[in-house]
Protein backbone atom coordinates (compact mmCIF):
# COMPACT_ATOMS: atom_id res chain seq x y z
CA MET A 1 -21.63 19.28 3.95
CA SER A 2 -23.98 20.29 6.73
CA ASP A 3 -24.69 16.63 7.98
CA ARG A 4 -22.60 13.81 8.82
CA GLU A 5 -24.11 11.69 6.23
CA SER A 6 -22.43 13.71 3.42
CA VAL A 7 -18.93 13.47 4.89
CA GLU A 8 -19.09 9.76 5.29
CA ARG A 9 -20.52 9.20 1.75
CA LEU A 10 -17.58 11.38 0.33
CA LYS A 11 -14.72 10.29 2.57
CA LEU A 12 -15.88 6.47 1.44
CA LYS A 13 -16.02 7.17 -2.40
CA LEU A 14 -12.43 8.90 -2.01
CA ARG A 15 -10.98 6.07 0.17
CA ARG A 16 -12.40 3.42 -2.43
CA LYS A 17 -10.89 5.51 -5.12
CA LEU A 18 -7.38 5.66 -3.57
CA LEU A 19 -7.30 1.86 -2.87
CA ALA A 20 -8.06 1.37 -6.61
CA GLU A 21 -4.60 2.99 -7.10
CA MET A 22 -2.85 0.55 -5.11
CA THR A 23 -0.53 -1.87 -6.92
CA GLU A 24 -0.54 -5.47 -6.50
CA ASP A 25 2.73 -5.33 -5.22
CA GLY A 26 1.76 -3.14 -2.14
CA HIS A 27 2.41 0.53 -3.24
CA TRP A 28 1.21 3.49 -4.84
CA GLU A 29 2.87 5.22 -8.06
CA GLY A 30 1.02 8.05 -9.15
CA ARG A 31 1.56 10.08 -12.05
CA LEU A 32 3.86 13.53 -11.88
CA SER A 33 2.88 16.07 -14.67
CA SER A 34 4.47 16.46 -17.88
CA SER A 35 6.95 19.13 -18.24
CA ALA A 36 7.90 21.31 -21.35
CA LEU A 37 11.56 22.18 -19.61
CA ALA A 38 12.28 18.51 -19.30
CA GLY A 39 10.85 17.77 -22.63
CA ALA A 40 12.84 20.28 -24.41
CA ILE A 41 16.11 19.01 -22.42
CA ALA A 42 15.18 15.69 -23.60
CA VAL A 43 14.58 16.65 -27.42
CA PHE A 44 17.87 18.79 -27.65
CA THR A 45 19.97 15.77 -26.25
CA LEU A 46 18.40 13.72 -28.94
CA CYS A 47 18.81 16.20 -31.85
CA LYS A 48 22.65 16.52 -30.66
CA ILE A 49 23.19 13.06 -30.20
CA ASP A 50 21.72 11.78 -33.49
CA PHE A 51 18.92 13.64 -34.89
CA HIS A 52 18.06 11.28 -37.86
CA LYS A 53 18.28 7.94 -35.84
CA TYR A 54 15.61 9.77 -33.07
CA ARG A 55 13.58 11.94 -35.76
CA GLY A 56 10.26 10.43 -34.78
CA ARG A 57 10.90 10.80 -31.02
CA ILE A 58 12.25 14.54 -31.55
CA HIS A 59 9.05 15.65 -33.72
CA GLN A 60 6.64 13.84 -31.46
CA GLY A 61 8.14 15.71 -28.50
CA LEU A 62 8.14 19.13 -30.12
CA ASN A 63 4.65 18.53 -30.85
CA TRP A 64 3.92 17.68 -27.35
CA ILE A 65 5.58 21.50 -26.64
CA ALA A 66 3.89 23.17 -29.63
CA ALA A 67 0.51 21.87 -28.14
CA ASN A 68 1.22 23.22 -24.46
CA VAL A 69 2.50 26.69 -25.44
CA ASN A 70 0.51 29.40 -23.18
CA ALA A 71 -1.34 32.11 -24.92
CA ASP A 72 1.40 34.96 -24.37
CA GLY A 73 3.83 32.79 -26.39
CA GLY A 74 5.80 31.21 -23.46
CA TRP A 75 6.06 28.13 -21.49
CA GLY A 76 5.63 27.25 -17.67
CA ASP A 77 7.19 24.26 -16.33
CA SER A 78 3.87 22.09 -16.05
CA PRO A 79 0.91 22.34 -18.49
CA GLU A 80 -0.90 24.54 -15.89
CA SER A 81 2.24 26.84 -14.99
CA PRO A 82 2.56 30.38 -16.12
CA SER A 83 5.30 31.26 -18.40
CA ASN A 84 8.80 31.51 -16.97
CA LEU A 85 12.03 32.26 -18.42
CA THR A 86 13.93 29.08 -18.13
CA ALA A 87 11.28 26.87 -19.57
CA THR A 88 10.55 29.26 -22.49
CA LEU A 89 14.31 29.48 -23.15
CA LEU A 90 14.82 25.89 -23.59
CA CYS A 91 11.67 25.34 -25.43
CA TRP A 92 12.77 28.06 -27.85
CA VAL A 93 16.29 26.59 -28.28
CA ALA A 94 14.80 22.94 -28.81
CA LEU A 95 12.49 24.19 -31.26
CA SER A 96 15.06 26.30 -33.15
CA GLU A 97 17.64 23.25 -33.10
CA ALA A 98 15.02 21.31 -35.09
CA GLU A 99 13.75 24.32 -37.09
CA LYS A 100 10.28 23.17 -36.56
CA HIS A 101 7.12 25.12 -35.39
CA LYS A 102 8.73 28.46 -36.92
CA GLY A 103 5.76 30.54 -35.63
CA LEU A 104 6.14 29.48 -31.86
CA ILE A 105 9.91 29.95 -32.27
CA ALA A 106 9.24 33.85 -33.23
CA GLY A 107 6.56 34.16 -30.43
CA ALA A 108 8.98 32.63 -27.92
CA GLU A 109 11.79 35.14 -28.98
CA GLU A 110 9.39 37.85 -28.51
CA TRP A 111 8.79 36.54 -25.02
CA ILE A 112 12.24 36.28 -23.97
CA ARG A 113 12.80 40.09 -25.34
CA ARG A 114 10.46 41.17 -22.89
CA ALA A 115 11.62 38.79 -20.00
CA ALA A 116 15.44 39.38 -20.72
CA GLY A 117 15.51 43.11 -22.14
CA SER A 118 16.67 41.57 -25.40
CA LEU A 119 17.82 38.66 -27.67
CA GLU A 120 21.22 39.18 -27.38
CA PRO A 121 23.07 36.51 -25.60
CA MET A 122 24.50 38.46 -22.58
CA ASP A 123 21.07 39.83 -21.72
CA ILE A 124 20.26 36.45 -21.47
CA ARG A 125 22.73 35.14 -19.50
CA ASP A 126 22.69 37.96 -16.75
CA ALA A 127 18.87 37.09 -16.65
CA ILE A 128 19.69 33.57 -15.98
CA LEU A 129 22.26 34.63 -13.41
CA GLU A 130 20.25 36.90 -11.71
CA LYS A 131 17.64 34.34 -11.47
CA TYR A 132 19.70 31.82 -9.61
CA GLY A 133 22.11 33.99 -7.87
CA ASN A 134 25.26 32.20 -6.55
CA ASP A 135 23.59 28.69 -7.18
CA ARG A 136 25.03 27.26 -10.29
CA THR A 137 23.25 24.34 -10.06
CA PHE A 138 20.73 25.08 -13.01
CA ALA A 139 22.31 28.35 -14.16
CA ALA A 140 25.47 26.65 -15.68
CA PRO A 141 23.55 23.71 -17.24
CA ILE A 142 21.03 26.31 -18.93
CA LEU A 143 23.58 28.57 -20.27
CA THR A 144 25.37 25.30 -21.62
CA MET A 145 22.46 24.10 -23.63
CA CYS A 146 22.15 27.57 -24.94
CA ALA A 147 26.17 27.55 -26.07
CA LEU A 148 25.28 24.36 -27.94
CA SER A 149 22.35 25.61 -29.90
CA SER A 150 23.05 26.88 -33.45
CA ARG A 151 20.75 29.67 -33.28
CA PHE A 152 22.49 30.92 -29.85
CA ALA A 153 25.89 30.64 -31.46
CA GLU A 154 24.52 32.52 -34.51
CA LEU A 155 23.15 35.38 -32.23
CA ALA A 156 26.32 35.56 -30.14
CA GLU A 157 28.39 35.75 -33.49
CA SER A 158 26.12 38.54 -34.57
CA GLN A 159 25.96 40.30 -31.42
CA SER A 160 29.93 40.45 -31.38
CA SER A 161 30.60 41.45 -34.95
CA SER A 162 27.89 44.32 -34.84
CA GLY A 163 29.20 45.90 -31.58
CA GLY A 164 26.90 44.82 -29.16
CA LYS A 165 27.55 44.41 -25.38
CA GLY A 166 31.11 43.34 -24.94
CA GLY A 167 32.59 40.61 -23.15
CA ILE A 168 32.33 37.71 -25.92
CA GLY A 169 35.80 37.00 -26.80
CA ALA A 170 36.07 33.28 -27.63
CA GLY A 171 32.32 33.19 -28.52
CA VAL A 172 29.46 31.86 -27.00
CA TRP A 173 31.21 29.65 -24.19
CA ASP A 174 32.44 33.14 -22.49
CA LEU A 175 28.76 33.33 -21.48
CA VAL A 176 28.94 30.32 -19.60
CA PRO A 177 30.38 29.82 -16.15
CA GLN A 178 33.54 27.43 -15.76
CA LEU A 179 32.58 25.34 -12.59
CA PRO A 180 35.67 23.67 -10.99
CA PHE A 181 35.09 20.23 -11.93
CA GLU A 182 38.71 19.66 -11.08
CA LEU A 183 37.82 19.65 -7.05
CA SER A 184 35.21 16.77 -7.50
CA VAL A 185 38.27 14.45 -7.32
CA LEU A 186 38.95 15.48 -3.92
CA PRO A 187 37.48 13.80 -0.60
CA HIS A 188 34.21 14.66 -0.58
CA GLN A 189 34.71 15.80 3.33
CA LEU A 190 36.31 18.53 1.84
CA PHE A 191 33.35 19.99 -0.28
CA GLY A 192 31.82 21.90 2.65
CA TRP A 193 34.96 23.50 3.44
CA LEU A 194 35.48 24.59 -0.33
CA ARG A 195 31.84 26.01 -0.23
CA LEU A 196 31.14 24.81 -4.14
CA THR A 197 28.87 26.89 -6.25
CA VAL A 198 26.74 23.75 -6.80
CA VAL A 199 24.76 21.50 -4.09
CA SER A 200 26.14 18.43 -3.43
CA TYR A 201 24.24 15.87 -5.77
CA ALA A 202 24.54 18.04 -8.65
CA LEU A 203 28.19 16.87 -9.14
CA PRO A 204 27.80 14.77 -12.25
CA ALA A 205 26.57 18.26 -13.99
CA LEU A 206 29.39 20.00 -12.19
CA ILE A 207 32.11 17.44 -13.95
CA ALA A 208 30.24 17.28 -17.38
CA ILE A 209 29.71 21.09 -17.64
CA GLY A 210 32.89 22.12 -15.99
CA TYR A 211 34.67 19.73 -18.45
CA LEU A 212 33.05 20.67 -21.59
CA ARG A 213 33.74 24.55 -20.94
CA HIS A 214 37.45 23.40 -20.34
CA THR A 215 37.47 21.42 -23.57
CA LYS A 216 36.20 25.06 -25.35
CA VAL A 217 37.86 27.62 -23.66
CA PRO A 218 40.60 26.56 -21.76
CA THR A 219 41.77 28.83 -18.75
CA ARG A 220 44.79 31.46 -19.57
CA ASN A 221 46.16 30.21 -16.19
CA ARG A 222 48.78 27.55 -17.30
CA LEU A 223 49.10 25.63 -13.95
CA LEU A 224 45.68 25.50 -13.67
CA ARG A 225 44.82 24.55 -17.05
CA ARG A 226 47.32 21.75 -16.75
CA LEU A 227 45.75 20.54 -13.82
CA ARG A 228 42.40 20.12 -15.19
CA ASP A 229 43.88 18.25 -18.00
CA ARG A 230 45.66 16.01 -15.61
CA VAL A 231 42.50 15.27 -13.38
CA SER A 232 39.93 15.26 -16.39
CA ARG A 233 39.97 11.46 -16.61
CA ARG A 234 39.57 10.84 -13.23
CA ALA A 235 36.51 13.32 -12.79
CA LEU A 236 34.87 11.55 -15.78
CA GLU A 237 35.38 8.08 -13.98
CA ILE A 238 33.54 9.63 -10.95
CA ALA A 239 30.72 11.03 -12.81
CA GLN A 240 30.35 7.31 -14.12
CA GLU A 241 30.50 6.10 -11.11
CA MET A 242 28.05 8.16 -9.82
CA GLN A 243 25.49 7.34 -12.36
CA PRO A 244 22.97 4.69 -11.97
CA VAL A 245 22.72 1.29 -14.10
CA ASN A 246 19.67 2.90 -15.71
CA GLY A 247 21.34 5.74 -16.62
CA GLY A 248 19.26 8.40 -14.55
CA TYR A 249 20.85 10.69 -12.20
CA GLU A 250 18.33 11.00 -9.52
CA GLU A 251 15.67 9.58 -11.81
CA ALA A 252 15.49 13.12 -13.28
CA SER A 253 15.72 13.57 -17.25
CA PRO A 254 16.54 17.16 -16.75
CA LEU A 255 19.82 16.69 -15.05
CA THR A 256 20.51 13.18 -17.14
CA GLY A 257 19.86 15.20 -20.18
CA PHE A 258 22.44 18.23 -19.25
CA VAL A 259 25.24 15.44 -18.33
CA THR A 260 24.71 13.55 -21.54
CA MET A 261 24.61 16.44 -24.10
CA SER A 262 27.78 18.04 -22.13
CA LEU A 263 29.77 14.71 -22.47
CA ASN A 264 28.68 14.20 -25.86
CA ALA A 265 29.76 17.53 -26.82
CA ALA A 266 32.80 17.03 -25.26
CA GLY A 267 33.77 14.11 -27.45
CA GLU A 268 32.99 11.77 -25.12
CA TRP A 269 30.36 10.05 -27.67
CA ASP A 270 31.22 6.67 -26.91
CA SER A 271 31.39 6.79 -23.01
CA GLN A 272 29.36 4.39 -21.02
CA THR A 273 28.00 7.36 -19.17
CA VAL A 274 26.63 8.90 -22.56
CA ALA A 275 25.28 5.52 -23.66
CA ARG A 276 23.40 5.20 -20.26
CA GLY A 277 22.05 8.33 -20.29
CA LEU A 278 20.92 8.45 -23.84
CA ASP A 279 19.04 4.84 -22.79
CA PHE A 280 17.20 6.66 -20.05
CA MET A 281 16.43 9.55 -22.08
CA VAL A 282 14.70 7.51 -24.57
CA LYS A 283 12.78 5.19 -22.13
CA SER A 284 11.71 7.97 -20.00
CA MET A 285 9.48 9.36 -22.86
CA ARG A 286 5.90 8.92 -22.49
CA PRO A 287 3.35 7.55 -25.26
CA ASP A 288 2.14 11.40 -25.92
CA GLY A 289 5.81 12.61 -26.35
CA SER A 290 6.20 14.38 -23.44
CA TRP A 291 8.51 13.75 -20.13
CA PRO A 292 8.17 14.42 -16.52
CA ILE A 293 10.76 16.15 -14.56
CA ASP A 294 11.58 12.59 -12.46
CA THR A 295 10.09 9.10 -12.81
CA ASN A 296 7.77 8.87 -10.02
CA LEU A 297 7.04 9.61 -6.42
CA ALA A 298 6.13 5.93 -5.43
CA THR A 299 7.43 5.82 -1.79
CA TRP A 300 6.43 9.66 -0.89
CA VAL A 301 2.82 8.97 -2.30
CA THR A 302 2.58 5.33 -0.46
CA THR A 303 3.27 6.86 2.88
CA LEU A 304 1.08 9.71 2.27
CA SER A 305 -1.65 6.97 1.42
CA VAL A 306 -1.09 5.09 4.32
CA LYS A 307 -1.41 8.27 6.66
CA ALA A 308 -4.60 9.19 4.91
CA ILE A 309 -6.43 6.20 5.34
CA PRO A 310 -7.25 5.61 8.79
CA GLU A 311 -5.67 2.58 11.18
CA ASP A 312 -9.28 1.35 11.97
CA ALA A 313 -10.46 0.97 8.23
CA LYS A 314 -10.14 -2.58 7.58
CA GLY A 315 -11.90 -4.97 4.86
CA THR A 316 -12.64 -3.89 1.36
CA ASP A 317 -12.87 -0.34 2.30
CA GLY A 318 -9.56 0.18 4.29
CA LEU A 319 -6.27 -1.49 4.61
CA SER A 320 -6.69 -5.36 5.19
CA ASP A 321 -4.21 -7.36 6.93
CA VAL A 322 -3.11 -8.68 3.42
CA ARG A 323 -2.79 -4.99 2.08
CA ARG A 324 -0.76 -3.81 5.24
CA GLU A 325 1.41 -6.73 5.01
CA ARG A 326 2.16 -6.15 1.28
CA ILE A 327 2.75 -2.30 2.23
CA ARG A 328 5.31 -3.16 5.32
CA ASP A 329 6.87 -5.36 3.13
CA TRP A 330 7.45 -2.96 0.40
CA LEU A 331 8.67 -0.18 2.20
CA LEU A 332 11.07 -2.23 3.99
CA SER A 333 12.44 -3.27 0.98
CA GLN A 334 12.86 0.04 -0.24
CA GLN A 335 15.66 1.16 2.74
CA HIS A 336 18.89 2.05 1.21
CA GLU A 337 21.59 -0.38 2.66
CA GLU A 338 24.65 1.26 0.96
CA GLN A 339 26.19 4.67 1.18
CA HIS A 340 24.81 6.69 -1.92
CA ALA A 341 26.97 7.45 -4.57
CA LEU A 342 25.59 10.99 -5.24
CA THR A 343 24.97 12.51 -1.61
CA TYR A 344 27.83 10.19 0.13
CA GLY A 345 24.92 9.51 2.90
CA ALA A 346 25.20 6.85 5.11
CA PRO A 347 22.86 3.66 5.01
CA GLY A 348 19.56 3.62 6.53
CA GLY A 349 17.32 6.18 4.92
CA TRP A 350 14.44 6.06 2.11
CA ALA A 351 14.02 8.08 -0.75
CA TRP A 352 11.40 9.25 -2.68
CA SER A 353 10.89 6.61 -5.18
CA ASP A 354 11.49 2.98 -5.48
CA LEU A 355 13.85 3.36 -8.44
CA ILE A 356 17.60 3.13 -8.04
CA GLY A 357 18.52 6.64 -9.20
CA ALA A 358 16.69 8.34 -6.23
CA MET A 359 18.70 9.61 -3.20
CA PRO A 360 17.37 9.08 0.51
CA ASP A 361 15.87 12.20 2.18
CA ALA A 362 14.67 13.79 5.42
CA ASP A 363 11.43 13.95 4.12
CA ASP A 364 10.37 10.37 2.85
CA THR A 365 12.45 8.70 5.80
CA PRO A 366 9.92 9.96 8.63
CA GLY A 367 7.11 9.47 6.22
CA VAL A 368 8.17 5.54 5.96
CA LEU A 369 8.78 5.68 9.91
CA ILE A 370 5.33 6.84 10.67
CA ALA A 371 3.82 4.65 8.36
CA LEU A 372 5.49 1.31 9.33
CA ARG A 373 4.10 2.73 12.88
CA ARG A 374 0.61 3.06 11.50
CA LEU A 375 0.62 -0.52 9.74
CA GLY A 376 1.19 -2.16 13.03
CA GLU A 377 2.99 -5.58 13.85
CA MET A 378 6.10 -4.62 15.12
CA HIS A 379 8.17 -7.47 14.37
CA ALA A 380 12.07 -7.37 14.56
CA GLY A 381 12.48 -6.58 11.00
CA VAL A 382 10.59 -3.29 11.29
CA ARG A 383 12.14 -2.32 14.22
CA ARG A 384 15.69 -2.85 13.14
CA ALA A 385 14.69 -0.68 9.84
CA ALA A 386 13.30 1.75 12.16
CA GLY A 387 16.33 2.09 14.40
CA LYS A 388 18.67 2.52 11.07
CA GLY A 389 16.48 5.03 9.88
CA VAL A 390 16.16 6.97 13.38
CA ARG A 391 20.07 7.05 13.57
CA TRP A 392 20.28 8.18 9.58
CA LEU A 393 18.10 11.17 10.67
CA LEU A 394 20.10 12.06 13.77
CA ASP A 395 23.22 12.08 11.85
CA LEU A 396 21.78 14.27 9.16
CA ARG A 397 20.75 17.45 11.41
CA ASN A 398 22.28 20.81 10.54
CA SER A 399 24.16 22.87 12.82
CA ASP A 400 21.23 25.52 13.12
CA GLY A 401 18.99 22.81 14.34
CA GLY A 402 17.11 22.28 11.30
CA MET A 403 17.00 19.11 8.80
CA PRO A 404 18.31 19.50 5.34
CA THR A 405 16.69 17.31 2.79
CA PHE A 406 19.53 14.99 1.74
CA SER A 407 22.77 16.03 3.42
CA ARG A 408 24.44 18.32 5.56
CA GLY A 409 24.45 21.91 4.10
CA TRP A 410 27.76 23.09 2.44
CA GLY A 411 26.94 26.54 2.84
CA LYS A 412 23.78 28.60 1.91
CA LEU A 413 22.79 27.26 -1.17
CA PRO A 414 19.01 26.80 -1.70
CA PHE A 415 18.88 22.97 -1.51
CA ASP A 416 21.09 22.57 1.26
CA ARG A 417 19.65 24.45 3.75
CA SER A 418 17.14 23.48 6.50
CA CYS A 419 13.60 23.06 5.96
CA PRO A 420 10.47 23.91 8.60
CA ASP A 421 8.19 21.01 7.26
CA VAL A 422 10.89 18.62 7.00
CA THR A 423 12.12 19.28 10.17
CA ALA A 424 8.61 18.91 11.80
CA HIS A 425 8.40 15.72 9.96
CA VAL A 426 11.28 14.60 11.40
CA ILE A 427 10.18 15.38 14.96
CA TRP A 428 7.11 13.63 14.64
CA ALA A 429 8.79 10.37 13.16
CA LEU A 430 11.39 10.58 16.27
CA ASP A 431 8.60 11.07 18.68
CA ALA A 432 6.64 8.42 17.27
CA TRP A 433 9.32 5.79 17.52
CA TYR A 434 11.09 6.94 20.80
CA ASP A 435 9.65 4.17 23.34
CA ASP A 436 10.92 1.46 20.99
CA LEU A 437 14.52 2.85 20.81
CA PRO A 438 17.67 1.36 22.64
CA SER A 439 18.29 3.71 25.71
CA ASP A 440 21.40 4.98 24.37
CA MET A 441 19.71 6.23 21.28
CA ARG A 442 17.12 8.06 23.38
CA GLY A 443 19.14 10.58 24.77
CA ARG A 444 20.28 11.74 21.28
CA VAL A 445 16.76 11.77 19.93
CA HIS A 446 15.59 14.27 22.92
CA ARG A 447 18.52 16.52 21.98
CA SER A 448 17.73 16.39 18.61
CA ILE A 449 14.10 17.39 18.96
CA SER A 450 14.86 20.29 21.33
CA ALA A 451 17.20 21.65 18.66
CA HIS A 452 14.57 20.91 15.82
CA ILE A 453 11.92 22.95 18.13
CA ARG A 454 14.22 25.84 18.51
CA TYR A 455 15.15 25.75 14.75
CA LEU A 456 11.35 26.03 14.18
CA ARG A 457 10.70 28.60 16.61
CA ARG A 458 13.21 30.92 14.57
CA ALA A 459 12.17 29.89 11.56
CA GLN A 460 8.56 30.73 12.09
CA HIS A 461 7.44 34.30 10.54
CA GLY A 462 6.14 36.86 12.63
CA GLU A 463 2.60 36.62 11.16
CA GLY A 464 2.88 32.95 12.17
CA TYR A 465 3.63 31.12 9.11
CA TRP A 466 6.57 28.73 7.91
CA VAL A 467 7.97 28.58 4.29
CA PRO A 468 8.63 25.21 3.01
CA LEU A 469 11.33 24.71 0.50
CA TRP A 470 9.97 21.80 -1.79
CA PHE A 471 6.37 23.61 -2.07
CA GLY A 472 5.39 26.57 -3.25
CA ASN A 473 2.21 28.60 -4.99
CA GLN A 474 2.83 30.23 -8.33
CA TRP A 475 0.47 33.15 -7.35
CA MET A 476 1.89 34.13 -4.25
CA ARG A 477 4.43 36.34 -3.35
CA GLU A 478 8.04 35.25 -4.33
CA GLN A 479 6.20 31.97 -5.31
CA GLN A 480 6.32 31.05 -1.90
CA GLY A 481 4.02 28.15 -0.20
CA PRO A 482 3.34 29.45 3.30
CA ILE A 483 0.08 27.59 3.37
CA TYR A 484 1.35 24.20 2.62
CA GLY A 485 4.57 25.13 5.08
CA THR A 486 2.47 26.08 7.71
CA ALA A 487 -0.18 23.65 7.74
CA ARG A 488 2.39 20.79 7.58
CA VAL A 489 3.95 22.04 10.28
CA VAL A 490 1.07 22.46 12.52
CA ASP A 491 -0.28 19.11 11.62
CA TYR A 492 2.98 17.39 12.33
CA LEU A 493 3.50 19.24 15.72
CA ARG A 494 0.11 18.32 16.75
CA SER A 495 0.81 14.58 16.33
CA LEU A 496 3.33 14.66 19.15
CA THR A 497 3.27 12.54 21.96
CA TRP A 498 5.69 12.89 24.78
CA SER A 499 7.53 15.70 23.18
CA ALA A 500 4.88 18.15 22.94
CA ASN A 501 5.16 21.14 24.91
CA HIS A 502 4.51 25.04 25.79
CA ALA A 503 6.72 25.66 22.62
CA THR A 504 5.01 23.86 20.16
CA GLU A 505 1.70 25.07 21.56
CA MET A 506 2.62 28.47 21.10
CA MET A 507 3.87 27.74 17.46
CA ILE A 508 0.64 25.82 16.65
CA ALA A 509 -1.63 28.77 17.69
CA GLY A 510 0.32 31.13 15.67
CA GLY A 511 0.43 29.01 12.67
CA CYS A 512 -3.41 28.54 13.14
CA LYS A 513 -3.87 32.16 13.24
CA TYR A 514 -2.26 32.63 9.89
CA LEU A 515 -4.25 30.00 8.41
CA ILE A 516 -7.42 31.45 9.70
CA CYS A 517 -6.37 34.63 8.05
CA ALA A 518 -5.21 33.25 4.80
CA GLN A 519 -8.61 31.64 3.69
CA ASN A 520 -9.63 32.93 0.52
CA ASP A 521 -13.36 34.42 0.21
CA ASP A 522 -14.47 31.64 -1.39
CA GLY A 523 -13.92 29.24 1.68
CA GLY A 524 -10.81 27.58 0.00
CA TRP A 525 -6.97 28.07 0.33
CA GLY A 526 -4.22 29.11 -2.51
CA GLY A 527 -2.63 32.06 -4.00
CA THR A 528 -5.53 34.11 -4.77
CA ILE A 529 -9.32 33.92 -4.61
CA GLU A 530 -9.52 32.50 -8.12
CA LYS A 531 -6.73 29.98 -7.23
CA SER A 532 -7.81 27.76 -4.44
CA SER A 533 -6.48 24.59 -4.48
CA ILE A 534 -7.72 21.49 -3.70
CA GLU A 535 -4.47 20.23 -2.08
CA GLU A 536 -3.93 23.77 -0.01
CA THR A 537 -7.59 23.99 1.19
CA ALA A 538 -7.42 20.20 1.99
CA LEU A 539 -4.07 20.22 4.45
CA ALA A 540 -5.25 23.84 5.75
CA LEU A 541 -8.51 22.29 6.83
CA LYS A 542 -6.49 19.30 8.51
CA ALA A 543 -4.36 21.74 10.39
CA LEU A 544 -7.25 23.72 11.63
CA LEU A 545 -9.91 21.02 12.30
CA PRO A 546 -9.11 20.17 15.99
CA GLU A 547 -9.59 23.80 17.25
CA GLY A 548 -10.34 26.17 14.14
CA PRO A 549 -13.61 28.47 14.05
CA LYS A 550 -16.35 26.55 12.96
CA ASP A 551 -17.56 28.96 10.36
CA VAL A 552 -14.03 28.79 8.61
CA ILE A 553 -13.78 25.09 8.76
CA MET A 554 -17.64 24.81 7.43
CA ARG A 555 -16.78 27.28 4.61
CA GLY A 556 -13.57 25.27 3.74
CA LEU A 557 -15.25 21.68 3.95
CA ASP A 558 -17.99 23.11 1.46
CA TRP A 559 -15.51 24.40 -1.02
CA LEU A 560 -13.76 20.96 -0.72
CA ALA A 561 -16.80 19.06 -0.95
CA ALA A 562 -18.13 20.84 -4.36
CA ARG A 563 -14.41 20.17 -6.13
CA VAL A 564 -14.15 16.60 -5.34
CA ASP A 565 -17.79 15.46 -5.49
CA THR A 566 -17.79 15.93 -9.11
CA GLY A 567 -17.62 12.50 -10.66
CA ARG A 568 -14.60 13.38 -12.57
CA ASP A 569 -10.86 13.19 -11.93
CA LEU A 570 -9.57 15.77 -9.16
CA PRO A 571 -7.40 18.38 -11.16
CA PRO A 572 -3.69 18.52 -9.34
CA ALA A 573 -2.40 22.00 -9.06
CA PRO A 574 1.27 22.27 -9.41
CA ILE A 575 2.22 23.27 -5.81
CA GLY A 576 5.50 20.68 -6.07
CA LEU A 577 8.88 22.20 -6.50
CA TYR A 578 11.65 20.10 -7.88
CA PHE A 579 15.26 21.11 -7.94
CA ALA A 580 15.97 24.86 -8.91
CA LYS A 581 12.31 25.74 -8.78
CA LEU A 582 10.94 23.51 -11.53
CA TRP A 583 7.17 23.39 -10.63
CA TYR A 584 4.87 20.11 -11.08
CA SER A 585 1.76 18.65 -9.99
CA GLU A 586 0.91 14.68 -8.69
CA ARG A 587 -1.95 13.19 -9.86
CA LEU A 588 -2.58 11.70 -6.36
CA TYR A 589 -2.18 14.45 -4.16
CA PRO A 590 -5.86 16.14 -4.50
CA LEU A 591 -7.11 12.88 -3.78
CA ILE A 592 -4.98 11.97 -0.79
CA PHE A 593 -4.80 15.36 0.79
CA ALA A 594 -8.79 15.74 0.29
CA LEU A 595 -9.39 12.18 1.94
CA ASP A 596 -7.15 12.98 4.83
CA ALA A 597 -9.27 16.24 5.68
CA LEU A 598 -12.72 14.55 5.63
CA GLU A 599 -11.45 11.64 7.62
CA ALA A 600 -10.23 14.32 10.22
CA ALA A 601 -13.44 15.70 9.83
CA SER A 602 -15.43 12.78 10.28
CA ARG A 603 -13.53 12.03 13.44
CA LEU A 604 -14.14 15.59 14.77
CA GLY A 605 -17.93 15.43 13.96
CA MET A 606 -17.02 17.90 11.13
CA ASN A 607 -16.84 21.00 13.55
CA GLY A 608 -14.10 19.81 15.95
CA GLU A 609 -17.30 19.14 18.70
């Protein structure tokens, strides 16, 4: 990478590969990694609803799970992930239900014994509750699937009869927390005051699992039991109203599977909610027998691609006028024009996908706003859409000055809280559209950006880094992703025009200092020297390129070039975090991020000179 010609050759190669991924109707779709956890939930759901009808799909799904077991007998969320308790537990439950791959069942049980202390249901429950803390969004569904399994019920009965740990009175359902599904019938404006133990967009699971638990073990409190009996029908109607017509809540097979299996077990097998959920689960299965955790990130990877391809790159090697028009029209068509059924969010935002189950969020909305700015041709339709998007973001800000992802936080649950890289992304979008906004909105934008910057100063750790919410690194302390978070915040803040100030300059300097110190001995960035990733290396380089030390940048470029100039597909790393820390990789991430870094290196003469 020591000469400009090498950089130009490599970036042109990657640019052509990325353009080849663009669809005819003007977007990129990508491909999320298949998930053992999602597959286990889907297979178990099919087993419980109609084993004989779905026998072929069940066995195909179990065969995929069997083929992707780790050497230690457990499973991770993605094929590249180390084993974890949740994925291993649910794969064990699915395999046991179908009584298939008995050798793997024994290996999984041994793995669970090591992780939870024993195979006793009480110990497993305690381990799950400890993992997820006060957030019942994922803990309750996991324990519900366990309670529905024949193997877990056998273990619970054996534990009770043999004098094992106490606490199991009515059987396995005592292990499942009772979710207050009766509260779902109240006006959603009260949810924050009520401080529910699930996040706002998990209401379908709250209803389905809470209702199932109520049918199995009604509370001894007579008044509360009568209340739950009385509101059950309305709660189930709300779950149905929240369900998209394709059946997939959030386009996610795990959430949809949990709701479907729970309502089916509660006697609602003939409901429209179960029928639609089952249809979504069947259609979400891939030809190889696997399921992803979500259908796609089409909007997200499209805006990332637009930002990675230079504005001045035209013709066959860039975004021609025809391509720009197609992308612009496609992005405009994805803006949500109605209040969202799950988050109760106002119209005006964009979601991560073009599919109807996706929810508007504060990372994709600024991504689209910036992409629209880069695509040019600011006609009335673009300006109108941008104005709605900016207003949507302004109304979303949390009281601490930061940006949540989907809706204002109900409290301190993980996925309602403010997030540094999302907040910085919003600042960039507000800054980019400031001059085109009506005068009455500019004051709001100015106040919002000031609050966002104050939040980022508080969120920056003493060593200079920021921790993101939706990205991480499985090999770092507490599986956090400070390289991704820091690189993103630095890059976004450096893109500001009128709102850049001394505070942002100081934060950028601190972030760059952290990234320089975090470089691995091999020249890349990642969790350990053996685990540098294309994604994190490219992002760190992009952030450092304008002012970073020449030797740091050149070592990073050499590492990156050696990994992307091989003639093979670029290996994605599972740096993405879905709800409840479910890991995933996206096939287009390494291509997009590497191209973005090389384009920046080209503009700056490789070394910032």
